[in-house]
């Protein structure tokens, strides 16, 4: 965290003539990232007389424009100056539409790139520090490799994918997601638990989307809601197997959490409930598809944040990383908005990258299709609206983070927000779970397989 001396220094800098636009944007970004509500007025001198348009030479130093672009993504709702800064950068910064701002990036995924960048720019005096950074990266990566080996052994032992051949086998991608949420070496057990949850989200989603008819899906949903294996006896073999594996794995994870943390209350109750809510949301979408019903935009979003799997991921984050169960209950009672925001970003980003293919296949509705019908607009206009919604959702998360800067739950908030950050990576260049190639494959190699060369 930044010290009070640093805060006082920054305030003096803001009020002096020493601050150029680059420094102003950099200070603004750093302080907001650490939860300090620096006002947008620091950019006032760069606005027109009405304070409405951002007035800077479009030929400014590219580093300054990049820093301004980064700062603009720490905006809160109704901060028009920062909206203007972002619009200005998007117009003048090459390839800005394909750039993920640092605030939306996964810390660990970005670590290797930053080390390589520093290596190209390093001075002789910084080489030892650079070597330490590389060594630290390789040590943490080695821990991740051990974790991955453990999860692969579990995946082969559980034998689920052999019984659901229609489903996506994305065990390594699921582990990469868990690394993005919490990369620190001490969170090895958490990554194991979260990876298992992600694999079941994928398989169950495929059962509802691809395999089961509506009657079978109703039975499967009831079995999960009642958490009763007897309910699935009349289902096809693959659905019975999926339920049994979910049942056993969830109970095993719940027991492992209780034992590791010394909690007396049964964790399985929390997990059973969130899996039931997930399946009920998928059943709603299956019903829409069966009936040929296109939901309203609001209906779709009200259900879509639940069917995204975000609440399942968030609960595993809370149970896996909280110090005690009271923190979990406190978060679920008072910070549910943050779970909603991160889950909504999963849904919107997923729709942006998969909706065209789903429309061609005649799959269920997406936020894009629902908005096209609501506003009577073409797909490109609907896509821009959904992108704007993603931006507005991040503004709400930024505000939530700043307002709860001193909360004891702030560490958990960071990990919930990391769920949204991983989502941006997974769907940056397409459906990272739907297609096993491209950027996701390269990220697996660079983050999990290839160590950094030491001098």
Protein backbone atom coordinates (compact mmCIF):
# COMPACT_ATOMS: atom_id res chain seq x y z
CA UNK A 1 0.00 0.00 0.00
CA UNK A 2 1.07 3.61 -0.47
CA UNK A 3 2.27 5.53 2.59
CA UNK A 4 0.87 8.79 3.94
CA UNK A 5 4.09 10.47 2.86
CA UNK A 6 3.47 9.28 -0.67
CA UNK A 7 -0.07 10.64 -0.49
CA UNK A 8 1.15 14.06 0.67
CA UNK A 9 3.80 14.10 -2.03
CA UNK A 10 1.20 13.29 -4.68
CA UNK A 11 -1.13 16.04 -3.44
CA UNK A 12 1.68 18.58 -3.65
CA UNK A 13 2.55 17.39 -7.13
CA UNK A 14 -1.06 17.68 -8.26
CA UNK A 15 -1.23 21.27 -7.07
CA UNK A 16 2.10 22.30 -8.59
CA UNK A 17 3.17 23.10 -12.12
CA UNK A 18 5.56 20.14 -12.13
CA UNK A 19 2.85 17.73 -13.24
CA UNK A 20 2.66 17.10 -16.97
CA UNK A 21 -0.13 14.97 -18.45
CA UNK A 22 1.92 11.76 -18.28
CA UNK A 23 2.65 12.23 -14.56
CA UNK A 24 -0.90 13.28 -13.81
CA UNK A 25 -2.34 10.18 -15.48
CA UNK A 26 0.20 7.86 -13.86
CA UNK A 27 -0.39 9.21 -10.35
CA UNK A 28 -4.15 9.13 -10.87
CA UNK A 29 -4.09 5.50 -12.03
CA UNK A 30 -1.89 4.24 -9.22
CA UNK A 31 -3.82 5.95 -6.45
CA UNK A 32 -7.18 4.81 -7.75
CA UNK A 33 -5.91 1.25 -8.09
CA UNK A 34 -5.01 1.34 -4.40
CA UNK A 35 -8.46 2.59 -3.47
CA UNK A 36 -7.83 6.31 -3.04
CA UNK A 37 -10.53 8.47 -4.59
CA UNK A 38 -8.39 11.02 -6.42
CA UNK A 39 -10.83 13.43 -8.14
CA UNK A 40 -11.06 13.58 -11.92
CA UNK A 41 -10.54 17.33 -11.62
CA UNK A 42 -6.78 16.74 -11.85
CA UNK A 43 -7.39 16.59 -15.61
CA UNK A 44 -9.35 19.84 -15.70
CA UNK A 45 -6.47 21.87 -17.17
CA UNK A 46 -6.50 19.58 -20.22
CA UNK A 47 -10.19 20.19 -20.98
CA UNK A 48 -11.80 22.94 -23.05
CA UNK A 49 -13.33 26.02 -21.44
CA UNK A 50 -16.64 24.23 -20.93
CA UNK A 51 -14.93 21.24 -19.32
CA UNK A 52 -16.59 18.95 -21.85
CA UNK A 53 -14.01 18.09 -24.53
CA UNK A 54 -10.51 16.75 -23.99
CA UNK A 55 -8.10 19.09 -25.75
CA UNK A 56 -4.65 17.66 -26.33
CA UNK A 57 -2.49 17.45 -29.39
CA UNK A 58 -3.21 14.15 -31.12
CA UNK A 59 0.52 13.94 -31.94
CA UNK A 60 1.51 13.81 -28.29
CA UNK A 61 4.12 11.37 -27.02
CA UNK A 62 2.66 7.83 -27.41
CA UNK A 63 3.69 6.94 -23.84
CA UNK A 64 1.62 9.83 -22.53
CA UNK A 65 -1.40 8.77 -24.54
CA UNK A 66 -1.07 5.18 -23.32
CA UNK A 67 -0.88 6.39 -19.72
CA UNK A 68 -3.98 8.52 -20.24
CA UNK A 69 -5.75 5.53 -21.79
CA UNK A 70 -4.87 3.43 -18.73
CA UNK A 71 -6.03 6.11 -16.29
CA UNK A 72 -9.37 6.51 -18.04
CA UNK A 73 -10.29 2.91 -17.16
CA UNK A 74 -10.24 3.73 -13.45
CA UNK A 75 -13.29 5.95 -13.99
CA UNK A 76 -16.39 5.93 -11.83
CA UNK A 77 -19.93 6.51 -13.06
CA UNK A 78 -20.69 9.99 -14.44
CA UNK A 79 -17.04 11.05 -14.65
CA UNK A 80 -17.32 12.79 -18.00
CA UNK A 81 -13.73 14.00 -18.12
CA UNK A 82 -12.42 10.44 -17.97
CA UNK A 83 -14.99 9.33 -20.54
CA UNK A 84 -13.68 12.09 -22.77
CA UNK A 85 -10.10 10.98 -22.17
CA UNK A 86 -10.95 7.40 -23.11
CA UNK A 87 -12.78 8.50 -26.27
CA UNK A 88 -9.84 10.72 -27.21
CA UNK A 89 -7.37 7.86 -26.77
CA UNK A 90 -9.55 5.41 -28.66
CA UNK A 91 -9.63 7.80 -31.61
CA UNK A 92 -5.91 8.55 -31.62
CA UNK A 93 -4.19 5.48 -30.21
CA UNK A 94 -3.44 2.84 -32.80
CA UNK A 95 -5.06 -0.55 -32.15
CA UNK A 96 -6.67 0.74 -28.95
CA UNK A 97 -9.77 -1.37 -29.64
CA UNK A 98 -7.69 -4.53 -29.14
CA UNK A 99 -5.80 -3.36 -26.05
CA UNK A 100 -6.87 -4.57 -22.63
CA UNK A 101 -6.10 -1.82 -20.09
CA UNK A 102 -3.78 -2.77 -17.24
CA UNK A 103 -6.63 -2.41 -14.75
CA UNK A 104 -8.51 -5.16 -16.58
CA UNK A 105 -5.47 -7.41 -16.98
CA UNK A 106 -4.58 -10.47 -14.94
CA UNK A 107 -1.49 -9.71 -12.87
CA UNK A 108 0.21 -13.06 -13.41
CA UNK A 109 -0.55 -13.30 -17.12
CA UNK A 110 1.04 -9.89 -17.57
CA UNK A 111 4.13 -10.60 -15.44
CA UNK A 112 6.20 -12.33 -18.11
CA UNK A 113 5.47 -9.64 -20.67
CA UNK A 114 6.51 -6.90 -18.26
CA UNK A 115 9.75 -8.70 -17.35
CA UNK A 116 10.60 -9.10 -21.03
CA UNK A 117 9.81 -5.44 -21.62
CA UNK A 118 12.09 -4.38 -18.76
CA UNK A 119 14.83 -6.64 -20.08
CA UNK A 120 14.83 -4.77 -23.38
CA UNK A 121 15.01 -1.42 -21.59
CA UNK A 122 17.18 -2.40 -18.59
CA UNK A 123 20.27 -0.51 -17.66
CA UNK A 124 23.39 -2.24 -16.37
CA UNK A 125 22.56 -1.24 -12.79
CA UNK A 126 19.16 -2.97 -13.00
CA UNK A 127 20.33 -6.34 -14.32
CA UNK A 128 20.57 -7.98 -10.88
CA UNK A 129 17.06 -6.85 -10.04
CA UNK A 130 15.86 -8.21 -13.37
CA UNK A 131 17.51 -11.57 -12.60
CA UNK A 132 15.68 -11.71 -9.29
CA UNK A 133 12.38 -10.99 -11.06
CA UNK A 134 13.05 -13.84 -13.51
CA UNK A 135 14.01 -16.21 -10.72
CA UNK A 136 10.86 -15.31 -8.79
CA UNK A 137 8.74 -15.95 -11.90
CA UNK A 138 10.36 -19.35 -12.47
CA UNK A 139 9.94 -20.40 -8.82
CA UNK A 140 6.24 -19.54 -8.84
CA UNK A 141 5.80 -21.20 -12.24
CA UNK A 142 7.37 -24.38 -10.86
CA UNK A 143 4.78 -24.38 -8.07
CA UNK A 144 2.03 -23.99 -10.66
CA UNK A 145 3.42 -26.94 -12.60
CA UNK A 146 3.18 -29.11 -9.48
CA UNK A 147 -0.40 -27.97 -9.00
CA UNK A 148 -1.22 -28.73 -12.62
CA UNK A 149 0.27 -32.22 -12.34
CA UNK A 150 -1.97 -32.87 -9.32
CA UNK A 151 -5.09 -31.67 -11.10
CA UNK A 152 -4.30 -33.73 -14.21
CA UNK A 153 -3.96 -36.86 -12.06
CA UNK A 154 -7.35 -36.10 -10.53
CA UNK A 155 -8.89 -35.51 -13.97
CA UNK A 156 -7.64 -38.86 -15.29
CA UNK A 157 -8.80 -40.63 -12.14
CA UNK A 158 -12.30 -39.12 -12.11
CA UNK A 159 -12.84 -40.30 -15.73
CA UNK A 160 -15.63 -37.83 -16.45
CA UNK A 161 -14.72 -36.72 -19.95
CA UNK A 162 -14.74 -40.33 -21.24
CA UNK A 163 -18.43 -40.50 -20.35
CA UNK A 164 -19.40 -37.13 -21.84
CA UNK A 165 -17.64 -37.25 -25.20
CA UNK A 166 -19.81 -34.41 -26.53
CA UNK A 167 -18.37 -32.00 -23.99
CA UNK A 168 -15.27 -29.81 -24.11
CA UNK A 169 -12.16 -31.15 -22.39
CA UNK A 170 -10.65 -27.96 -21.00
CA UNK A 171 -8.85 -29.06 -17.86
CA UNK A 172 -5.63 -27.12 -18.58
CA UNK A 173 -7.55 -23.98 -19.57
CA UNK A 174 -9.57 -24.32 -16.36
CA UNK A 175 -6.37 -24.46 -14.33
CA UNK A 176 -5.02 -21.42 -16.20
CA UNK A 177 -8.20 -19.57 -15.14
CA UNK A 178 -7.60 -20.49 -11.48
CA UNK A 179 -4.01 -19.25 -11.72
CA UNK A 180 -5.32 -15.95 -13.05
CA UNK A 181 -7.64 -15.55 -10.06
CA UNK A 182 -4.96 -16.30 -7.41
CA UNK A 183 -1.41 -17.01 -8.62
CA UNK A 184 0.34 -16.78 -5.25
CA UNK A 185 2.15 -20.01 -4.22
CA UNK A 186 0.30 -20.24 -0.90
CA UNK A 187 -3.03 -20.67 -2.70
CA UNK A 188 -2.28 -24.10 -4.17
CA UNK A 189 -5.27 -25.80 -2.54
CA UNK A 190 -7.59 -23.05 -3.70
CA UNK A 191 -6.45 -23.44 -7.32
CA UNK A 192 -7.20 -27.15 -7.08
CA UNK A 193 -10.72 -26.51 -5.79
CA UNK A 194 -11.49 -23.76 -8.29
CA UNK A 195 -10.20 -25.77 -11.27
CA UNK A 196 -12.52 -28.63 -10.38
CA UNK A 197 -15.46 -26.23 -10.20
CA UNK A 198 -14.64 -24.71 -13.60
CA UNK A 199 -14.44 -28.11 -15.31
CA UNK A 200 -17.90 -28.98 -14.00
CA UNK A 201 -19.30 -25.61 -15.09
CA UNK A 202 -18.12 -26.40 -18.64
CA UNK A 203 -19.41 -29.97 -18.71
CA UNK A 204 -22.80 -29.12 -17.15
CA UNK A 205 -23.19 -26.16 -19.52
CA UNK A 206 -22.60 -28.53 -22.45
CA UNK A 207 -25.16 -30.99 -21.11
CA UNK A 208 -27.81 -28.27 -21.04
CA UNK A 209 -26.75 -26.74 -24.38
CA UNK A 210 -25.97 -29.83 -26.43
CA UNK A 211 -27.12 -33.11 -24.97
CA UNK A 212 -30.18 -33.24 -22.73
CA UNK A 213 -33.77 -32.77 -23.80
CA UNK A 214 -35.92 -30.51 -21.64
CA UNK A 215 -37.51 -33.35 -19.64
CA UNK A 216 -34.10 -34.84 -18.84
CA UNK A 217 -32.74 -31.44 -17.87
CA UNK A 218 -35.66 -30.91 -15.49
CA UNK A 219 -34.83 -34.20 -13.76
CA UNK A 220 -31.13 -33.33 -13.61
CA UNK A 221 -31.90 -29.90 -12.16
CA UNK A 222 -34.21 -31.37 -9.51
CA UNK A 223 -31.49 -33.84 -8.53
CA UNK A 224 -29.00 -31.02 -8.01
CA UNK A 225 -31.53 -28.90 -6.10
CA UNK A 226 -32.38 -31.81 -3.80
CA UNK A 227 -28.78 -33.09 -3.83
CA UNK A 228 -30.14 -36.60 -4.12
CA UNK A 229 -28.46 -39.24 -6.36
CA UNK A 230 -31.67 -41.30 -6.45
CA UNK A 231 -33.25 -38.60 -8.63
CA UNK A 232 -30.99 -39.36 -11.63
CA UNK A 233 -31.60 -43.11 -11.94
CA UNK A 234 -33.87 -42.71 -14.99
CA UNK A 235 -31.44 -40.40 -16.85
CA UNK A 236 -29.02 -41.43 -19.61
CA UNK A 237 -25.72 -42.88 -18.41
CA UNK A 238 -23.64 -39.79 -19.19
CA UNK A 239 -25.95 -37.50 -17.20
CA UNK A 240 -25.99 -39.89 -14.27
CA UNK A 241 -22.20 -40.03 -14.34
CA UNK A 242 -21.94 -36.26 -14.45
CA UNK A 243 -24.23 -35.86 -11.45
CA UNK A 244 -22.39 -38.50 -9.44
CA UNK A 245 -18.99 -36.94 -10.20
CA UNK A 246 -20.32 -33.48 -9.27
CA UNK A 247 -21.83 -34.88 -6.09
CA UNK A 248 -18.66 -36.69 -5.00
CA UNK A 249 -16.26 -33.92 -6.01
CA UNK A 250 -18.31 -31.18 -4.32
CA UNK A 251 -18.52 -33.15 -1.08
CA UNK A 252 -14.78 -33.88 -1.24
CA UNK A 253 -13.94 -30.21 -1.80
CA UNK A 254 -16.25 -29.13 1.03
CA UNK A 255 -14.60 -31.59 3.40
CA UNK A 256 -11.11 -30.49 2.33
CA UNK A 257 -11.97 -26.83 2.96
CA UNK A 258 -13.37 -27.61 6.40
CA UNK A 259 -10.36 -29.69 7.39
CA UNK A 260 -7.78 -27.22 6.13
CA UNK A 261 -9.43 -24.21 7.77
CA UNK A 262 -10.75 -25.91 10.87
CA UNK A 263 -14.33 -24.83 10.26
CA UNK A 264 -17.03 -26.75 12.11
CA UNK A 265 -20.07 -25.71 10.07
CA UNK A 266 -20.62 -27.83 6.92
CA UNK A 267 -19.33 -26.03 3.81
CA UNK A 268 -21.22 -28.42 1.53
CA UNK A 269 -24.48 -26.52 2.22
CA UNK A 270 -23.06 -23.40 0.56
CA UNK A 271 -21.78 -25.33 -2.46
CA UNK A 272 -24.96 -27.33 -2.96
CA UNK A 273 -27.02 -24.14 -3.06
CA UNK A 274 -24.83 -22.37 -5.60
CA UNK A 275 -24.75 -25.41 -7.91
CA UNK A 276 -28.54 -25.61 -7.69
CA UNK A 277 -28.90 -21.94 -8.64
CA UNK A 278 -26.54 -22.45 -11.58
CA UNK A 279 -28.51 -25.42 -12.92
CA UNK A 280 -31.84 -23.62 -12.44
CA UNK A 281 -30.54 -20.71 -14.52
CA UNK A 282 -29.40 -23.09 -17.27
CA UNK A 283 -32.83 -24.75 -17.18
CA UNK A 284 -34.50 -21.37 -17.78
CA UNK A 285 -32.38 -20.93 -20.93
CA UNK A 286 -33.20 -24.48 -22.03
CA UNK A 287 -36.90 -23.73 -21.60
CA UNK A 288 -36.60 -20.60 -23.74
CA UNK A 289 -34.85 -22.61 -26.43
CA UNK A 290 -37.41 -25.43 -26.32
CA UNK A 291 -40.33 -23.02 -26.58
CA UNK A 292 -38.66 -20.82 -29.20
CA UNK A 293 -39.03 -17.87 -26.86
CA UNK A 294 -36.78 -14.83 -27.11
CA UNK A 295 -36.56 -13.20 -23.69
CA UNK A 296 -36.58 -9.48 -23.17
CA UNK A 297 -33.20 -7.85 -22.64
CA UNK A 298 -33.88 -7.50 -18.91
CA UNK A 299 -35.11 -11.09 -18.58
CA UNK A 300 -31.98 -12.35 -20.29
CA UNK A 301 -29.58 -10.38 -18.08
CA UNK A 302 -31.47 -11.21 -14.87
CA UNK A 303 -30.90 -14.88 -15.61
CA UNK A 304 -27.66 -14.63 -17.58
CA UNK A 305 -25.39 -13.49 -14.75
CA UNK A 306 -26.37 -16.64 -12.86
CA UNK A 307 -25.95 -18.99 -15.84
CA UNK A 308 -22.49 -17.49 -16.51
CA UNK A 309 -21.10 -19.57 -13.67
CA UNK A 310 -19.83 -16.44 -11.95
CA UNK A 311 -21.62 -17.08 -8.62
CA UNK A 312 -20.11 -20.61 -8.53
CA UNK A 313 -16.63 -19.21 -9.09
CA UNK A 314 -17.16 -16.44 -6.54
CA UNK A 315 -18.30 -18.80 -3.81
CA UNK A 316 -15.24 -20.99 -4.35
CA UNK A 317 -13.09 -17.85 -4.10
CA UNK A 318 -14.72 -16.91 -0.80
CA UNK A 319 -14.60 -20.38 0.73
CA UNK A 320 -11.09 -21.02 -0.55
CA UNK A 321 -9.48 -17.73 0.43
CA UNK A 322 -11.42 -16.37 3.42
CA UNK A 323 -9.78 -16.63 6.82
CA UNK A 324 -12.97 -17.71 8.56
CA UNK A 325 -16.57 -18.52 7.72
CA UNK A 326 -17.84 -15.24 9.18
CA UNK A 327 -15.97 -13.44 6.38
CA UNK A 328 -17.81 -15.56 3.82
CA UNK A 329 -21.18 -14.79 5.38
CA UNK A 330 -20.32 -11.10 5.68
CA UNK A 331 -19.31 -10.93 2.02
CA UNK A 332 -22.42 -12.77 0.80
CA UNK A 333 -24.62 -10.46 2.88
CA UNK A 334 -22.98 -7.10 2.14
CA UNK A 335 -20.92 -7.45 -1.06
CA UNK A 336 -23.28 -9.36 -3.34
CA UNK A 337 -23.14 -6.50 -5.85
CA UNK A 338 -19.50 -7.31 -6.62
CA UNK A 339 -20.39 -10.95 -7.33
CA UNK A 340 -23.12 -9.70 -9.66
CA UNK A 341 -20.80 -7.29 -11.50
CA UNK A 342 -18.07 -9.87 -12.13
CA UNK A 343 -20.65 -12.47 -13.20
CA UNK A 344 -22.30 -9.99 -15.56
CA UNK A 345 -18.95 -9.30 -17.21
CA UNK A 346 -18.52 -13.04 -17.81
CA UNK A 347 -21.93 -13.16 -19.50
CA UNK A 348 -21.42 -10.05 -21.63
CA UNK A 349 -17.88 -10.95 -22.75
CA UNK A 350 -18.97 -14.48 -23.55
CA UNK A 351 -21.83 -13.18 -25.66
CA UNK A 352 -19.59 -10.73 -27.52
CA UNK A 353 -17.31 -13.55 -28.69
CA UNK A 354 -19.75 -16.44 -29.16
CA UNK A 355 -23.08 -14.89 -30.21
CA UNK A 356 -22.46 -14.82 -33.98
CA UNK A 357 -21.64 -18.53 -34.07
CA UNK A 358 -24.56 -19.33 -31.78
CA UNK A 359 -26.97 -17.35 -33.96
CA UNK A 360 -25.76 -19.27 -37.02
CA UNK A 361 -26.37 -22.56 -35.19
CA UNK A 362 -29.77 -21.40 -33.96
CA UNK A 363 -28.72 -21.61 -30.31
CA UNK A 364 -30.36 -19.87 -27.38
CA UNK A 365 -30.61 -16.12 -27.09
CA UNK A 366 -27.73 -13.84 -26.22
CA UNK A 367 -27.59 -10.30 -24.85
CA UNK A 368 -26.75 -9.09 -28.36
CA UNK A 369 -29.80 -10.69 -29.97
CA UNK A 370 -32.09 -9.53 -27.16
CA UNK A 371 -30.84 -5.96 -27.45
CA UNK A 372 -31.19 -6.04 -31.25
CA UNK A 373 -34.86 -6.87 -30.83
CA UNK A 374 -35.40 -4.46 -27.94
CA UNK A 375 -33.87 -1.43 -29.69
CA UNK A 376 -34.56 -2.55 -33.30
CA UNK A 377 -30.91 -2.13 -34.26
CA UNK A 378 -28.34 -4.11 -36.25
CA UNK A 379 -25.78 -6.43 -34.69
CA UNK A 380 -22.89 -3.95 -34.84
CA UNK A 381 -24.89 -1.35 -32.91
CA UNK A 382 -25.91 -3.96 -30.33
CA UNK A 383 -22.29 -5.02 -29.91
CA UNK A 384 -21.23 -1.47 -29.16
CA UNK A 385 -23.99 -1.21 -26.57
CA UNK A 386 -22.80 -4.41 -24.86
CA UNK A 387 -19.22 -3.09 -24.84
CA UNK A 388 -20.51 0.08 -23.21
CA UNK A 389 -22.26 -2.05 -20.60
CA UNK A 390 -18.97 -3.80 -19.81
CA UNK A 391 -17.35 -0.38 -19.31
CA UNK A 392 -20.19 0.82 -17.08
CA UNK A 393 -20.00 -2.37 -15.02
CA UNK A 394 -16.28 -1.79 -14.43
CA UNK A 395 -17.07 1.75 -13.28
CA UNK A 396 -19.42 0.29 -10.68
CA UNK A 397 -16.75 -2.16 -9.55
CA UNK A 398 -14.23 0.70 -9.32
CA UNK A 399 -16.62 2.65 -7.13
CA UNK A 400 -17.30 -0.38 -4.97
CA UNK A 401 -13.57 -0.91 -4.49
CA UNK A 402 -12.92 2.71 -3.50
CA UNK A 403 -15.89 2.91 -1.14
CA UNK A 404 -14.67 -0.22 0.67
CA UNK A 405 -10.98 0.65 0.71
CA UNK A 406 -10.66 0.16 4.48
CA UNK A 407 -12.89 -2.92 4.66
CA UNK A 408 -11.49 -6.14 6.08
CA UNK A 409 -13.04 -7.83 3.04
CA UNK A 410 -10.93 -5.84 0.55
CA UNK A 411 -8.46 -8.71 -0.09
CA UNK A 412 -11.37 -10.94 -1.09
CA UNK A 413 -12.77 -8.18 -3.32
CA UNK A 414 -9.55 -8.22 -5.35
CA UNK A 415 -9.93 -11.92 -6.09
CA UNK A 416 -13.59 -11.54 -7.06
CA UNK A 417 -12.57 -8.76 -9.45
CA UNK A 418 -9.85 -11.07 -10.80
CA UNK A 419 -12.65 -13.30 -12.09
CA UNK A 420 -13.67 -10.47 -14.41
CA UNK A 421 -10.03 -9.88 -15.37
CA UNK A 422 -9.52 -13.51 -16.40
CA UNK A 423 -12.73 -13.27 -18.42
CA UNK A 424 -11.29 -10.46 -20.53
CA UNK A 425 -8.24 -12.57 -21.31
CA UNK A 426 -10.23 -15.71 -22.14
CA UNK A 427 -12.50 -13.84 -24.56
CA UNK A 428 -10.02 -11.25 -25.85
CA UNK A 429 -9.49 -12.89 -29.24
CA UNK A 430 -12.48 -15.20 -29.46
CA UNK A 431 -13.87 -17.99 -27.30
CA UNK A 432 -10.87 -19.19 -25.32
CA UNK A 433 -12.80 -22.20 -24.05
CA UNK A 434 -14.55 -23.03 -27.30
CA UNK A 435 -11.39 -23.15 -29.43
CA UNK A 436 -8.18 -24.81 -28.23
CA UNK A 437 -5.62 -22.74 -30.10
CA UNK A 438 -4.37 -19.22 -30.59
CA UNK A 439 -3.87 -16.87 -27.68
CA UNK A 440 -4.98 -19.26 -24.94
CA UNK A 441 -2.52 -21.93 -26.04
CA UNK A 442 0.30 -19.39 -26.12
CA UNK A 443 -0.63 -18.16 -22.65
CA UNK A 444 -0.56 -21.74 -21.35
CA UNK A 445 2.94 -22.17 -22.71
CA UNK A 446 4.29 -18.85 -21.44
CA UNK A 447 2.61 -18.97 -18.01
CA UNK A 448 2.74 -22.65 -17.15
CA UNK A 449 5.36 -24.38 -19.30
CA UNK A 450 8.24 -22.20 -20.49
CA UNK A 451 10.54 -20.73 -17.78
CA UNK A 452 12.29 -17.43 -18.30
CA UNK A 453 15.96 -17.84 -19.35
CA UNK A 454 18.44 -16.70 -16.72
CA UNK A 455 21.66 -14.94 -17.69
